[in-house]
Amino acid sequence: MVLLENDAFLVELTRLFDKSRLSGSVVLTIKRFNGHNKPVPREGRPPLPTPSEFLCLVRATLRSKKISTVIHSKDVNKFQQAYWNLLKSNINGLKKLKKVKSVKPKVH
């Protein structure tokens, strides 16, 4: 998995969306990240220090291509705005769902 800067991640995500137009889908996961990339230590070992601020980890996957980025709390609004603009421009192949008419039961 490649860890990228926020702007480079958005550029690469655009490329993944373009590649997925032919076949496949992009899977995106977002979760809270405490900055530790090591497992929790065993009993008897000193615990990991508590983080001063929590970060946001964003991962995108298309087939075997995986990219990720870490967003600081001060940059969340800026990243979110850029991400939504990216989604608006790339979501255009969705199929419209047909409405199913419900049949009302007859009352005797």
C-alpha atoms as a PDB file:
ATOM      1  CA  MET A   1       0.000   0.000   0.000  1.00  0.00           C
ATOM      2  CA  VAL A   2       1.338   3.392  -0.973  1.00  0.00           C
ATOM      3  CA  LEU A   3       1.027   6.226   1.555  1.00  0.00           C
ATOM      4  CA  LEU A   4       0.604   9.518  -0.308  1.00  0.00           C
ATOM      5  CA  GLU A   5       0.198  13.185   0.551  1.00  0.00           C
ATOM      6  CA  ASN A   6      -3.405  14.463   0.489  1.00  0.00           C
ATOM      7  CA  ASP A   7      -3.200  16.209  -2.904  1.00  0.00           C
ATOM      8  CA  ALA A   8      -1.326  13.324  -4.532  1.00  0.00           C
ATOM      9  CA  PHE A   9      -3.913  10.916  -3.098  1.00  0.00           C
ATOM     10  CA  LEU A  10      -6.757  12.860  -4.740  1.00  0.00           C
ATOM     11  CA  VAL A  11      -4.923  12.875  -8.092  1.00  0.00           C
ATOM     12  CA  GLU A  12      -4.315   9.126  -7.881  1.00  0.00           C
ATOM     13  CA  LEU A  13      -7.920   8.558  -6.793  1.00  0.00           C
ATOM     14  CA  THR A  14      -9.063  10.354  -9.943  1.00  0.00           C
ATOM     15  CA  ARG A  15      -6.949   7.928 -11.976  1.00  0.00           C
ATOM     16  CA  LEU A  16      -8.511   4.976 -10.142  1.00  0.00           C
ATOM     17  CA  PHE A  17     -11.995   6.296 -10.933  1.00  0.00           C
ATOM     18  CA  ASP A  18     -11.047   6.613 -14.610  1.00  0.00           C
ATOM     19  CA  LYS A  19      -9.698   3.042 -14.680  1.00  0.00           C
ATOM     20  CA  SER A  20     -12.841   1.731 -12.978  1.00  0.00           C
ATOM     21  CA  ARG A  21     -15.125   3.101 -15.714  1.00  0.00           C
ATOM     22  CA  LEU A  22     -14.397   0.057 -17.902  1.00  0.00           C
ATOM     23  CA  SER A  23     -14.726  -2.585 -15.216  1.00  0.00           C
ATOM     24  CA  GLY A  24     -14.448  -2.892 -11.478  1.00  0.00           C
ATOM     25  CA  SER A  25     -15.196  -0.572  -8.610  1.00  0.00           C
ATOM     26  CA  VAL A  26     -13.207   1.593  -6.228  1.00  0.00           C
ATOM     27  CA  VAL A  27     -13.545   0.673  -2.553  1.00  0.00           C
ATOM     28  CA  LEU A  28     -12.909   3.539  -0.152  1.00  0.00           C
ATOM     29  CA  THR A  29     -12.505   3.179   3.620  1.00  0.00           C
ATOM     30  CA  ILE A  30     -12.134   5.968   6.153  1.00  0.00           C
ATOM     31  CA  LYS A  31     -11.270   5.399   9.796  1.00  0.00           C
ATOM     32  CA  ARG A  32      -9.781   7.079  12.837  1.00  0.00           C
ATOM     33  CA  PHE A  33      -6.028   6.642  13.137  1.00  0.00           C
ATOM     34  CA  ASN A  34      -4.026   7.187  16.302  1.00  0.00           C
ATOM     35  CA  GLY A  35      -0.650   7.428  14.571  1.00  0.00           C
ATOM     36  CA  HIS A  36       0.675   4.079  15.774  1.00  0.00           C
ATOM     37  CA  ASN A  37       1.724   1.652  13.083  1.00  0.00           C
ATOM     38  CA  LYS A  38       2.922  -1.015  15.513  1.00  0.00           C
ATOM     39  CA  PRO A  39       0.754  -3.603  17.277  1.00  0.00           C
ATOM     40  CA  VAL A  40      -0.241  -3.222  20.914  1.00  0.00           C
ATOM     41  CA  PRO A  41       2.625  -4.417  23.151  1.00  0.00           C
ATOM     42  CA  ARG A  42       2.306  -7.605  25.208  1.00  0.00           C
ATOM     43  CA  GLU A  43       1.632  -7.597  28.927  1.00  0.00           C
ATOM     44  CA  GLY A  44       4.602  -6.466  30.989  1.00  0.00           C
ATOM     45  CA  ARG A  45       5.870  -4.110  28.267  1.00  0.00           C
ATOM     46  CA  PRO A  46       5.410  -0.355  28.478  1.00  0.00           C
ATOM     47  CA  PRO A  47       2.169   0.767  26.760  1.00  0.00           C
ATOM     48  CA  LEU A  48       2.152   2.976  23.701  1.00  0.00           C
ATOM     49  CA  PRO A  49       1.848   6.688  24.478  1.00  0.00           C
ATOM     50  CA  THR A  50      -1.578   8.245  24.037  1.00  0.00           C
ATOM     51  CA  PRO A  51      -1.747  10.417  20.914  1.00  0.00           C
ATOM     52  CA  SER A  52      -2.061  14.179  21.263  1.00  0.00           C
ATOM     53  CA  GLU A  53      -4.432  14.298  18.283  1.00  0.00           C
ATOM     54  CA  PHE A  54      -6.257  11.665  16.278  1.00  0.00           C
ATOM     55  CA  LEU A  55      -5.783  11.497  12.542  1.00  0.00           C
ATOM     56  CA  CYS A  56      -7.973  10.148   9.756  1.00  0.00           C
ATOM     57  CA  LEU A  57      -6.744   7.269   7.581  1.00  0.00           C
ATOM     58  CA  VAL A  58      -8.242   7.030   4.081  1.00  0.00           C
ATOM     59  CA  ARG A  59      -7.652   3.989   1.878  1.00  0.00           C
ATOM     60  CA  ALA A  60      -8.731   3.358  -1.714  1.00  0.00           C
ATOM     61  CA  THR A  61      -8.532   0.042  -3.558  1.00  0.00           C
ATOM     62  CA  LEU A  62      -9.119  -0.933  -7.181  1.00  0.00           C
ATOM     63  CA  ARG A  63      -8.345  -4.592  -7.884  1.00  0.00           C
ATOM     64  CA  SER A  64      -4.728  -4.941  -6.664  1.00  0.00           C
ATOM     65  CA  LYS A  65      -3.875  -1.216  -6.684  1.00  0.00           C
ATOM     66  CA  LYS A  66      -3.996   0.253  -3.145  1.00  0.00           C
ATOM     67  CA  ILE A  67      -3.371   3.828  -2.047  1.00  0.00           C
ATOM     68  CA  SER A  68      -3.784   5.600   1.282  1.00  0.00           C
ATOM     69  CA  THR A  69      -3.332   8.943   2.995  1.00  0.00           C
ATOM     70  CA  VAL A  70      -3.393  10.332   6.524  1.00  0.00           C
ATOM     71  CA  ILE A  71      -5.342  13.525   7.175  1.00  0.00           C
ATOM     72  CA  HIS A  72      -4.625  15.798  10.136  1.00  0.00           C
ATOM     73  CA  SER A  73      -7.578  17.249  12.025  1.00  0.00           C
ATOM     74  CA  LYS A  74      -6.859  20.782  10.798  1.00  0.00           C
ATOM     75  CA  ASP A  75      -6.974  19.634   7.137  1.00  0.00           C
ATOM     76  CA  VAL A  76     -10.193  17.594   7.301  1.00  0.00           C
ATOM     77  CA  ASN A  77     -12.505  20.328   5.950  1.00  0.00           C
ATOM     78  CA  LYS A  78     -10.203  21.155   3.036  1.00  0.00           C
ATOM     79  CA  PHE A  79      -9.766  17.472   2.123  1.00  0.00           C
ATOM     80  CA  GLN A  80     -13.472  16.768   2.458  1.00  0.00           C
ATOM     81  CA  GLN A  81     -14.380  19.618   0.111  1.00  0.00           C
ATOM     82  CA  ALA A  82     -11.859  18.463  -2.499  1.00  0.00           C
ATOM     83  CA  TYR A  83     -13.036  14.851  -2.128  1.00  0.00           C
ATOM     84  CA  TRP A  84     -16.709  15.777  -2.656  1.00  0.00           C
ATOM     85  CA  ASN A  85     -15.850  17.794  -5.758  1.00  0.00           C
ATOM     86  CA  LEU A  86     -13.968  14.753  -7.050  1.00  0.00           C
ATOM     87  CA  LEU A  87     -16.962  12.495  -6.378  1.00  0.00           C
ATOM     88  CA  LYS A  88     -19.389  14.887  -8.084  1.00  0.00           C
ATOM     89  CA  SER A  89     -17.294  14.919 -11.236  1.00  0.00           C
ATOM     90  CA  ASN A  90     -16.753  11.136 -11.349  1.00  0.00           C
ATOM     91  CA  ILE A  91     -20.149   9.715 -10.393  1.00  0.00           C
ATOM     92  CA  ASN A  92     -22.006   9.702 -13.677  1.00  0.00           C
ATOM     93  CA  GLY A  93     -22.564   6.049 -14.564  1.00  0.00           C
ATOM     94  CA  LEU A  94     -25.166   5.237 -11.947  1.00  0.00           C
ATOM     95  CA  LYS A  95     -28.335   3.519 -13.116  1.00  0.00           C
ATOM     96  CA  LYS A  96     -31.666   4.966 -12.077  1.00  0.00           C
ATOM     97  CA  LEU A  97     -33.713   2.551 -10.005  1.00  0.00           C
ATOM     98  CA  LYS A  98     -37.221   1.720 -11.149  1.00  0.00           C
ATOM     99  CA  LYS A  99     -39.931   2.385  -8.607  1.00  0.00           C
ATOM    100  CA  VAL A 100     -41.985  -0.605  -7.627  1.00  0.00           C
ATOM    101  CA  LYS A 101     -45.690   0.141  -7.377  1.00  0.00           C
ATOM    102  CA  SER A 102     -47.209  -1.309  -4.264  1.00  0.00           C
ATOM    103  CA  VAL A 103     -50.630  -2.900  -4.489  1.00  0.00           C
ATOM    104  CA  LYS A 104     -53.068  -1.802  -1.784  1.00  0.00           C
ATOM    105  CA  PRO A 105     -55.030  -4.664  -0.231  1.00  0.00           C
ATOM    106  CA  LYS A 106     -58.766  -4.591  -0.853  1.00  0.00           C
ATOM    107  CA  VAL A 107     -60.931  -4.119   2.210  1.00  0.00           C
ATOM    108  CA  HIS A 108     -64.259  -6.059   2.214  1.00  0.00           C
END
